[in-house]
């Protein structure tokens, strides 16, 4: 599930350590209720938020974490992969890809770009319920508010296609360097 998806996409490396979140300007907590299940992580998010970081929670459930974030993006259950592909599409379409980074440090960008072409914000809205304008806004803010960071939760793997959703979300940081 999630471990295989992570290894295939990011490689044999751990995720960003909780302490490093304090340095971020744009924090994404995706399918993870940090306040209830990753309490060790939350103080670093709060400190970053006090320093001006924006906290975006992407979750189909209005969790305690979603309520505490600055922006809750609430896709229909099981549609997180489409949301991630919509973000990828929108980053590419808005010209926000760090092409130098992508060329030097990633593999498969042309194939990802071709696959993401179908995930326009309007299409993603029709599938996920997330407004097209929010897809474009998230992509712009995530790409331009550096350093940005994503904390992926295990809830992503609990639906059909969950591993692919993890892979798509795992591509986002690489696109923006």
C-alpha atoms as a PDB file:
ATOM      1  CA  UNK A   1       0.000   0.000   0.000  1.00  0.00           C
ATOM      2  CA  UNK A   2       1.386   3.296   1.153  1.00  0.00           C
ATOM      3  CA  UNK A   3       4.944   2.053   1.756  1.00  0.00           C
ATOM      4  CA  UNK A   4       5.269   0.654  -1.755  1.00  0.00           C
ATOM      5  CA  UNK A   5       3.765   3.801  -3.268  1.00  0.00           C
ATOM      6  CA  UNK A   6       6.200   5.962  -1.282  1.00  0.00           C
ATOM      7  CA  UNK A   7       9.229   3.870  -2.311  1.00  0.00           C
ATOM      8  CA  UNK A   8       8.211   3.892  -5.980  1.00  0.00           C
ATOM      9  CA  UNK A   9       7.736   7.660  -5.995  1.00  0.00           C
ATOM     10  CA  UNK A  10      10.166   9.168  -3.495  1.00  0.00           C
ATOM     11  CA  UNK A  11      12.663   6.367  -3.006  1.00  0.00           C
ATOM     12  CA  UNK A  12      14.136   4.862   0.151  1.00  0.00           C
ATOM     13  CA  UNK A  13      13.996   8.011   2.223  1.00  0.00           C
ATOM     14  CA  UNK A  14      11.919   9.020   5.192  1.00  0.00           C
ATOM     15  CA  UNK A  15       9.337  11.750   5.142  1.00  0.00           C
ATOM     16  CA  UNK A  16      10.080  15.243   6.414  1.00  0.00           C
ATOM     17  CA  UNK A  17      10.747  15.082  10.133  1.00  0.00           C
ATOM     18  CA  UNK A  18       8.157  16.833  12.321  1.00  0.00           C
ATOM     19  CA  UNK A  19      10.681  19.326  13.690  1.00  0.00           C
ATOM     20  CA  UNK A  20      11.390  20.721  10.201  1.00  0.00           C
ATOM     21  CA  UNK A  21       7.795  21.856   9.696  1.00  0.00           C
ATOM     22  CA  UNK A  22       8.513  24.910  11.836  1.00  0.00           C
ATOM     23  CA  UNK A  23      10.528  26.366   8.918  1.00  0.00           C
ATOM     24  CA  UNK A  24       7.749  25.998   6.341  1.00  0.00           C
ATOM     25  CA  UNK A  25       5.645  28.804   4.893  1.00  0.00           C
ATOM     26  CA  UNK A  26       2.920  26.567   3.432  1.00  0.00           C
ATOM     27  CA  UNK A  27       2.005  23.378   5.282  1.00  0.00           C
ATOM     28  CA  UNK A  28      -0.265  20.721   3.815  1.00  0.00           C
ATOM     29  CA  UNK A  29      -1.671  18.061   6.124  1.00  0.00           C
ATOM     30  CA  UNK A  30      -3.272  15.514   3.837  1.00  0.00           C
ATOM     31  CA  UNK A  31      -5.597  12.805   5.185  1.00  0.00           C
ATOM     32  CA  UNK A  32      -3.980  13.038   8.595  1.00  0.00           C
ATOM     33  CA  UNK A  33      -5.643  14.190  11.805  1.00  0.00           C
ATOM     34  CA  UNK A  34      -2.449  15.457  13.442  1.00  0.00           C
ATOM     35  CA  UNK A  35      -4.147  16.839  16.535  1.00  0.00           C
ATOM     36  CA  UNK A  36      -5.631  13.432  17.373  1.00  0.00           C
ATOM     37  CA  UNK A  37      -3.136  10.969  15.903  1.00  0.00           C
ATOM     38  CA  UNK A  38       0.195  12.797  15.415  1.00  0.00           C
ATOM     39  CA  UNK A  39       0.218  15.010  18.467  1.00  0.00           C
ATOM     40  CA  UNK A  40       4.035  15.109  18.443  1.00  0.00           C
ATOM     41  CA  UNK A  41       3.801  16.886  15.055  1.00  0.00           C
ATOM     42  CA  UNK A  42       1.235  19.530  15.954  1.00  0.00           C
ATOM     43  CA  UNK A  43       3.383  21.907  18.103  1.00  0.00           C
ATOM     44  CA  UNK A  44       5.731  22.443  15.133  1.00  0.00           C
ATOM     45  CA  UNK A  45       2.779  23.215  12.869  1.00  0.00           C
ATOM     46  CA  UNK A  46       1.423  25.696  15.414  1.00  0.00           C
ATOM     47  CA  UNK A  47       4.809  27.401  15.722  1.00  0.00           C
ATOM     48  CA  UNK A  48       5.078  27.720  11.938  1.00  0.00           C
ATOM     49  CA  UNK A  49       1.513  29.064  11.833  1.00  0.00           C
ATOM     50  CA  UNK A  50       2.452  31.690  14.460  1.00  0.00           C
ATOM     51  CA  UNK A  51       5.351  32.670  12.207  1.00  0.00           C
ATOM     52  CA  UNK A  52       2.941  33.224   9.323  1.00  0.00           C
ATOM     53  CA  UNK A  53       2.747  29.821   7.647  1.00  0.00           C
ATOM     54  CA  UNK A  54      -0.530  28.869   6.014  1.00  0.00           C
ATOM     55  CA  UNK A  55      -1.887  25.476   7.110  1.00  0.00           C
ATOM     56  CA  UNK A  56      -4.007  23.662   4.546  1.00  0.00           C
ATOM     57  CA  UNK A  57      -5.772  20.458   5.542  1.00  0.00           C
ATOM     58  CA  UNK A  58      -6.959  18.152   2.768  1.00  0.00           C
ATOM     59  CA  UNK A  59      -9.345  15.640   4.250  1.00  0.00           C
ATOM     60  CA  UNK A  60     -12.772  14.208   3.484  1.00  0.00           C
ATOM     61  CA  UNK A  61     -13.543  14.444   7.186  1.00  0.00           C
ATOM     62  CA  UNK A  62     -13.907  17.671   9.154  1.00  0.00           C
ATOM     63  CA  UNK A  63     -11.420  16.582  11.799  1.00  0.00           C
ATOM     64  CA  UNK A  64     -10.068  18.618  14.693  1.00  0.00           C
ATOM     65  CA  UNK A  65      -7.031  19.305  12.503  1.00  0.00           C
ATOM     66  CA  UNK A  66      -9.199  20.490   9.605  1.00  0.00           C
ATOM     67  CA  UNK A  67     -10.984  22.887  11.956  1.00  0.00           C
ATOM     68  CA  UNK A  68      -7.645  24.243  13.248  1.00  0.00           C
ATOM     69  CA  UNK A  69      -6.133  24.799   9.810  1.00  0.00           C
ATOM     70  CA  UNK A  70      -6.359  27.989   7.782  1.00  0.00           C
ATOM     71  CA  UNK A  71      -8.027  26.264   4.833  1.00  0.00           C
ATOM     72  CA  UNK A  72      -9.864  22.941   4.706  1.00  0.00           C
ATOM     73  CA  UNK A  73     -10.109  21.352   1.272  1.00  0.00           C
ATOM     74  CA  UNK A  74     -12.757  18.644   1.553  1.00  0.00           C
ATOM     75  CA  UNK A  75     -12.869  16.231  -1.406  1.00  0.00           C
ATOM     76  CA  UNK A  76     -15.413  13.449  -1.681  1.00  0.00           C
ATOM     77  CA  UNK A  77     -14.088  10.236  -0.102  1.00  0.00           C
ATOM     78  CA  UNK A  78     -11.926   8.184  -2.447  1.00  0.00           C
ATOM     79  CA  UNK A  79     -11.152  11.083  -4.810  1.00  0.00           C
ATOM     80  CA  UNK A  80      -7.850  12.293  -3.374  1.00  0.00           C
ATOM     81  CA  UNK A  81      -5.880  10.977  -6.347  1.00  0.00           C
ATOM     82  CA  UNK A  82      -7.934  13.143  -8.690  1.00  0.00           C
ATOM     83  CA  UNK A  83      -7.319  16.140  -6.418  1.00  0.00           C
ATOM     84  CA  UNK A  84      -3.558  15.528  -6.521  1.00  0.00           C
ATOM     85  CA  UNK A  85      -3.614  15.124 -10.299  1.00  0.00           C
ATOM     86  CA  UNK A  86      -5.595  18.352 -10.553  1.00  0.00           C
ATOM     87  CA  UNK A  87      -2.925  20.134  -8.527  1.00  0.00           C
ATOM     88  CA  UNK A  88      -0.245  18.673 -10.809  1.00  0.00           C
ATOM     89  CA  UNK A  89      -2.170  19.776 -13.915  1.00  0.00           C
ATOM     90  CA  UNK A  90      -2.633  23.257 -12.518  1.00  0.00           C
ATOM     91  CA  UNK A  91       1.022  23.661 -11.481  1.00  0.00           C
ATOM     92  CA  UNK A  92       2.048  22.740 -15.029  1.00  0.00           C
ATOM     93  CA  UNK A  93      -0.594  24.911 -16.719  1.00  0.00           C
ATOM     94  CA  UNK A  94       0.280  27.959 -14.610  1.00  0.00           C
ATOM     95  CA  UNK A  95       3.958  27.616 -15.530  1.00  0.00           C
ATOM     96  CA  UNK A  96       4.973  26.965 -11.919  1.00  0.00           C
ATOM     97  CA  UNK A  97       7.156  23.885 -12.476  1.00  0.00           C
ATOM     98  CA  UNK A  98      10.775  24.285 -11.347  1.00  0.00           C
ATOM     99  CA  UNK A  99      11.984  22.831 -14.637  1.00  0.00           C
ATOM    100  CA  UNK A 100      15.664  22.942 -13.682  1.00  0.00           C
ATOM    101  CA  UNK A 101      14.972  20.861 -10.558  1.00  0.00           C
ATOM    102  CA  UNK A 102      12.692  18.466 -12.456  1.00  0.00           C
ATOM    103  CA  UNK A 103      15.286  17.975 -15.209  1.00  0.00           C
ATOM    104  CA  UNK A 104      18.135  17.327 -12.763  1.00  0.00           C
ATOM    105  CA  UNK A 105      16.469  15.250 -10.061  1.00  0.00           C
ATOM    106  CA  UNK A 106      13.357  13.476 -11.343  1.00  0.00           C
ATOM    107  CA  UNK A 107      12.345  10.753 -13.775  1.00  0.00           C
ATOM    108  CA  UNK A 108       9.148  10.443 -15.774  1.00  0.00           C
ATOM    109  CA  UNK A 109       8.075  14.079 -15.959  1.00  0.00           C
ATOM    110  CA  UNK A 110       6.895  13.900 -19.614  1.00  0.00           C
ATOM    111  CA  UNK A 111       4.706  10.904 -18.760  1.00  0.00           C
ATOM    112  CA  UNK A 112       3.309  12.629 -15.661  1.00  0.00           C
ATOM    113  CA  UNK A 113       2.598  15.774 -17.671  1.00  0.00           C
ATOM    114  CA  UNK A 114       0.746  13.742 -20.311  1.00  0.00           C
ATOM    115  CA  UNK A 115      -1.288  11.861 -17.674  1.00  0.00           C
ATOM    116  CA  UNK A 116      -2.157  15.056 -15.781  1.00  0.00           C
ATOM    117  CA  UNK A 117      -3.415  16.784 -18.945  1.00  0.00           C
ATOM    118  CA  UNK A 118      -6.879  15.252 -18.484  1.00  0.00           C
ATOM    119  CA  UNK A 119      -7.211  16.502 -14.885  1.00  0.00           C
ATOM    120  CA  UNK A 120      -8.322  20.047 -15.577  1.00  0.00           C
ATOM    121  CA  UNK A 121      -9.680  21.966 -12.586  1.00  0.00           C
ATOM    122  CA  UNK A 122     -13.212  21.766 -14.019  1.00  0.00           C
ATOM    123  CA  UNK A 123     -12.971  18.000 -14.451  1.00  0.00           C
ATOM    124  CA  UNK A 124     -11.511  17.592 -10.951  1.00  0.00           C
ATOM    125  CA  UNK A 125     -14.367  19.651  -9.500  1.00  0.00           C
ATOM    126  CA  UNK A 126     -16.901  17.377 -11.194  1.00  0.00           C
ATOM    127  CA  UNK A 127     -15.259  14.271  -9.699  1.00  0.00           C
ATOM    128  CA  UNK A 128     -14.191  15.490  -6.255  1.00  0.00           C
ATOM    129  CA  UNK A 129     -16.470  18.374  -5.329  1.00  0.00           C
ATOM    130  CA  UNK A 130     -13.432  20.642  -4.802  1.00  0.00           C
ATOM    131  CA  UNK A 131     -14.032  23.918  -6.640  1.00  0.00           C
ATOM    132  CA  UNK A 132     -11.943  24.458  -9.781  1.00  0.00           C
ATOM    133  CA  UNK A 133     -10.814  27.847  -8.465  1.00  0.00           C
ATOM    134  CA  UNK A 134      -9.530  26.163  -5.295  1.00  0.00           C
ATOM    135  CA  UNK A 135      -7.507  23.660  -7.334  1.00  0.00           C
ATOM    136  CA  UNK A 136      -5.800  26.523  -9.186  1.00  0.00           C
ATOM    137  CA  UNK A 137      -5.353  28.595  -6.020  1.00  0.00           C
ATOM    138  CA  UNK A 138      -3.797  25.710  -4.092  1.00  0.00           C
ATOM    139  CA  UNK A 139      -1.393  24.941  -6.953  1.00  0.00           C
ATOM    140  CA  UNK A 140      -0.277  28.575  -7.150  1.00  0.00           C
ATOM    141  CA  UNK A 141       0.166  28.978  -3.394  1.00  0.00           C
ATOM    142  CA  UNK A 142       1.909  25.628  -2.895  1.00  0.00           C
ATOM    143  CA  UNK A 143       4.355  26.361  -5.715  1.00  0.00           C
ATOM    144  CA  UNK A 144       5.141  29.948  -4.751  1.00  0.00           C
ATOM    145  CA  UNK A 145       5.143  29.881  -0.927  1.00  0.00           C
ATOM    146  CA  UNK A 146       8.485  28.183  -0.433  1.00  0.00           C
ATOM    147  CA  UNK A 147       9.428  26.252   1.521  1.00  0.00           C
ATOM    148  CA  UNK A 148       6.223  24.252   1.345  1.00  0.00           C
ATOM    149  CA  UNK A 149       5.740  20.803   2.831  1.00  0.00           C
ATOM    150  CA  UNK A 150       3.214  17.957   2.805  1.00  0.00           C
ATOM    151  CA  UNK A 151       2.409  15.551   5.630  1.00  0.00           C
ATOM    152  CA  UNK A 152       0.668  12.514   4.132  1.00  0.00           C
ATOM    153  CA  UNK A 153      -1.583  10.437   6.335  1.00  0.00           C
ATOM    154  CA  UNK A 154      -2.392   6.758   6.033  1.00  0.00           C
ATOM    155  CA  UNK A 155      -6.060   7.507   5.346  1.00  0.00           C
ATOM    156  CA  UNK A 156      -5.116   7.947   1.685  1.00  0.00           C
ATOM    157  CA  UNK A 157      -4.477   4.236   1.331  1.00  0.00           C
ATOM    158  CA  UNK A 158      -7.905   3.258   2.660  1.00  0.00           C
ATOM    159  CA  UNK A 159      -9.785   3.465  -0.624  1.00  0.00           C
ATOM    160  CA  UNK A 160      -9.471   1.994  -4.095  1.00  0.00           C
ATOM    161  CA  UNK A 161      -6.557   3.649  -5.864  1.00  0.00           C
ATOM    162  CA  UNK A 162      -5.164   4.926  -2.572  1.00  0.00           C
ATOM    163  CA  UNK A 163      -1.583   3.987  -3.384  1.00  0.00           C
ATOM    164  CA  UNK A 164      -1.828   5.916  -6.644  1.00  0.00           C
ATOM    165  CA  UNK A 165      -3.178   8.914  -4.721  1.00  0.00           C
ATOM    166  CA  UNK A 166      -0.099   8.731  -2.491  1.00  0.00           C
ATOM    167  CA  UNK A 167       2.135   8.567  -5.556  1.00  0.00           C
ATOM    168  CA  UNK A 168       0.447  11.604  -7.128  1.00  0.00           C
ATOM    169  CA  UNK A 169       0.654  13.640  -3.916  1.00  0.00           C
ATOM    170  CA  UNK A 170       4.282  12.573  -3.540  1.00  0.00           C
ATOM    171  CA  UNK A 171       5.092  14.135  -6.920  1.00  0.00           C
ATOM    172  CA  UNK A 172       3.972  17.623  -5.895  1.00  0.00           C
ATOM    173  CA  UNK A 173       7.116  18.712  -3.990  1.00  0.00           C
ATOM    174  CA  UNK A 174       9.374  17.561  -6.844  1.00  0.00           C
ATOM    175  CA  UNK A 175       7.473  19.705  -9.345  1.00  0.00           C
ATOM    176  CA  UNK A 176       8.149  22.901  -7.426  1.00  0.00           C
ATOM    177  CA  UNK A 177      11.733  22.133  -6.368  1.00  0.00           C
END
